[in-house]
């Protein structure tokens, strides 16, 4: 194998690797875009659905706790 053929095979190998890495980069960029879109959808769902529902449940539990805590209390002790 002459030096010219070695150079040619080296160049061909480099081109093949560059093409492969370019393909992998395109795939990775597409996956990143999809994940960014999914993340934005999830964030919107959290803000529109989860957080208001959690606030509602928190208020409900707070009112239940307070109702149970003070249910059997005698308020005569607070009179002056």
C-alpha atoms as a PDB file:
ATOM      1  CA  UNK A   1       0.000   0.000   0.000  1.00  0.00           C
ATOM      2  CA  UNK A   2       1.559   3.291  -1.070  1.00  0.00           C
ATOM      3  CA  UNK A   3       1.537   6.466   0.995  1.00  0.00           C
ATOM      4  CA  UNK A   4      -0.976   7.966  -1.421  1.00  0.00           C
ATOM      5  CA  UNK A   5      -3.402   5.089  -0.803  1.00  0.00           C
ATOM      6  CA  UNK A   6      -2.899   5.380   2.979  1.00  0.00           C
ATOM      7  CA  UNK A   7      -3.709   9.082   2.833  1.00  0.00           C
ATOM      8  CA  UNK A   8      -6.785   8.375   0.736  1.00  0.00           C
ATOM      9  CA  UNK A   9      -8.052   5.690   3.130  1.00  0.00           C
ATOM     10  CA  UNK A  10      -7.369   8.021   6.084  1.00  0.00           C
ATOM     11  CA  UNK A  11      -9.344  10.822   4.386  1.00  0.00           C
ATOM     12  CA  UNK A  12     -12.185   8.427   3.582  1.00  0.00           C
ATOM     13  CA  UNK A  13     -12.257   7.225   7.200  1.00  0.00           C
ATOM     14  CA  UNK A  14     -12.316  10.822   8.455  1.00  0.00           C
ATOM     15  CA  UNK A  15     -15.162  11.703   6.068  1.00  0.00           C
ATOM     16  CA  UNK A  16     -17.112   8.643   7.190  1.00  0.00           C
ATOM     17  CA  UNK A  17     -16.651   9.576  10.852  1.00  0.00           C
ATOM     18  CA  UNK A  18     -17.621  13.203  10.188  1.00  0.00           C
ATOM     19  CA  UNK A  19     -20.774  12.068   8.382  1.00  0.00           C
ATOM     20  CA  UNK A  20     -21.631   9.701  11.237  1.00  0.00           C
ATOM     21  CA  UNK A  21     -21.076  12.375  13.895  1.00  0.00           C
ATOM     22  CA  UNK A  22     -23.095  14.898  11.881  1.00  0.00           C
ATOM     23  CA  UNK A  23     -25.970  12.412  11.750  1.00  0.00           C
ATOM     24  CA  UNK A  24     -25.711  11.793  15.495  1.00  0.00           C
ATOM     25  CA  UNK A  25     -25.675  15.550  16.135  1.00  0.00           C
ATOM     26  CA  UNK A  26     -28.854  16.031  14.087  1.00  0.00           C
ATOM     27  CA  UNK A  27     -30.550  13.228  16.013  1.00  0.00           C
ATOM     28  CA  UNK A  28     -29.480  14.721  19.331  1.00  0.00           C
ATOM     29  CA  UNK A  29     -30.704  18.181  18.369  1.00  0.00           C
ATOM     30  CA  UNK A  30     -34.073  16.730  17.376  1.00  0.00           C
ATOM     31  CA  UNK A  31     -34.322  14.932  20.728  1.00  0.00           C
ATOM     32  CA  UNK A  32     -33.414  18.126  22.583  1.00  0.00           C
ATOM     33  CA  UNK A  33     -36.136  20.044  20.718  1.00  0.00           C
ATOM     34  CA  UNK A  34     -38.691  17.349  21.557  1.00  0.00           C
ATOM     35  CA  UNK A  35     -37.670  17.344  25.226  1.00  0.00           C
ATOM     36  CA  UNK A  36     -37.856  21.142  25.372  1.00  0.00           C
ATOM     37  CA  UNK A  37     -41.362  21.003  23.876  1.00  0.00           C
ATOM     38  CA  UNK A  38     -42.420  18.265  26.318  1.00  0.00           C
ATOM     39  CA  UNK A  39     -40.953  20.227  29.206  1.00  0.00           C
ATOM     40  CA  UNK A  40     -42.870  23.354  28.171  1.00  0.00           C
ATOM     41  CA  UNK A  41     -46.091  21.325  27.943  1.00  0.00           C
ATOM     42  CA  UNK A  42     -45.471  19.841  31.373  1.00  0.00           C
ATOM     43  CA  UNK A  43     -44.677  23.228  32.886  1.00  0.00           C
ATOM     44  CA  UNK A  44     -47.905  24.651  31.424  1.00  0.00           C
ATOM     45  CA  UNK A  45     -49.872  21.724  32.863  1.00  0.00           C
ATOM     46  CA  UNK A  46     -48.267  22.198  36.289  1.00  0.00           C
ATOM     47  CA  UNK A  47     -49.033  25.923  36.318  1.00  0.00           C
ATOM     48  CA  UNK A  48     -52.583  25.577  34.975  1.00  0.00           C
ATOM     49  CA  UNK A  49     -53.704  22.417  36.760  1.00  0.00           C
ATOM     50  CA  UNK A  50     -51.488  21.202  39.571  1.00  0.00           C
ATOM     51  CA  UNK A  51     -50.709  24.379  41.456  1.00  0.00           C
ATOM     52  CA  UNK A  52     -54.332  25.633  41.638  1.00  0.00           C
ATOM     53  CA  UNK A  53     -55.472  22.143  42.708  1.00  0.00           C
ATOM     54  CA  UNK A  54     -52.778  21.958  45.390  1.00  0.00           C
ATOM     55  CA  UNK A  55     -53.825  25.361  46.715  1.00  0.00           C
ATOM     56  CA  UNK A  56     -57.439  24.208  46.781  1.00  0.00           C
ATOM     57  CA  UNK A  57     -56.539  21.006  48.650  1.00  0.00           C
ATOM     58  CA  UNK A  58     -54.384  22.953  51.086  1.00  0.00           C
ATOM     59  CA  UNK A  59     -57.255  25.296  51.902  1.00  0.00           C
ATOM     60  CA  UNK A  60     -59.625  22.347  52.301  1.00  0.00           C
ATOM     61  CA  UNK A  61     -57.262  20.512  54.654  1.00  0.00           C
ATOM     62  CA  UNK A  62     -56.623  23.679  56.640  1.00  0.00           C
ATOM     63  CA  UNK A  63     -60.343  24.272  57.117  1.00  0.00           C
ATOM     64  CA  UNK A  64     -60.894  20.611  58.100  1.00  0.00           C
ATOM     65  CA  UNK A  65     -58.044  20.770  60.604  1.00  0.00           C
ATOM     66  CA  UNK A  66     -59.357  23.984  62.122  1.00  0.00           C
ATOM     67  CA  UNK A  67     -62.910  22.620  62.278  1.00  0.00           C
ATOM     68  CA  UNK A  68     -61.729  19.479  64.057  1.00  0.00           C
ATOM     69  CA  UNK A  69     -59.384  21.367  66.363  1.00  0.00           C
ATOM     70  CA  UNK A  70     -62.033  23.785  67.582  1.00  0.00           C
ATOM     71  CA  UNK A  71     -65.103  21.512  67.311  1.00  0.00           C
ATOM     72  CA  UNK A  72     -65.427  20.548  70.980  1.00  0.00           C
ATOM     73  CA  UNK A  73     -63.937  23.637  72.529  1.00  0.00           C
ATOM     74  CA  UNK A  74     -65.809  25.581  75.175  1.00  0.00           C
ATOM     75  CA  UNK A  75     -65.697  29.270  74.360  1.00  0.00           C
ATOM     76  CA  UNK A  76     -66.952  30.312  77.813  1.00  0.00           C
ATOM     77  CA  UNK A  77     -63.364  30.423  78.988  1.00  0.00           C
ATOM     78  CA  UNK A  78     -62.669  33.360  76.655  1.00  0.00           C
ATOM     79  CA  UNK A  79     -65.401  35.555  78.180  1.00  0.00           C
ATOM     80  CA  UNK A  80     -64.327  38.408  80.414  1.00  0.00           C
END
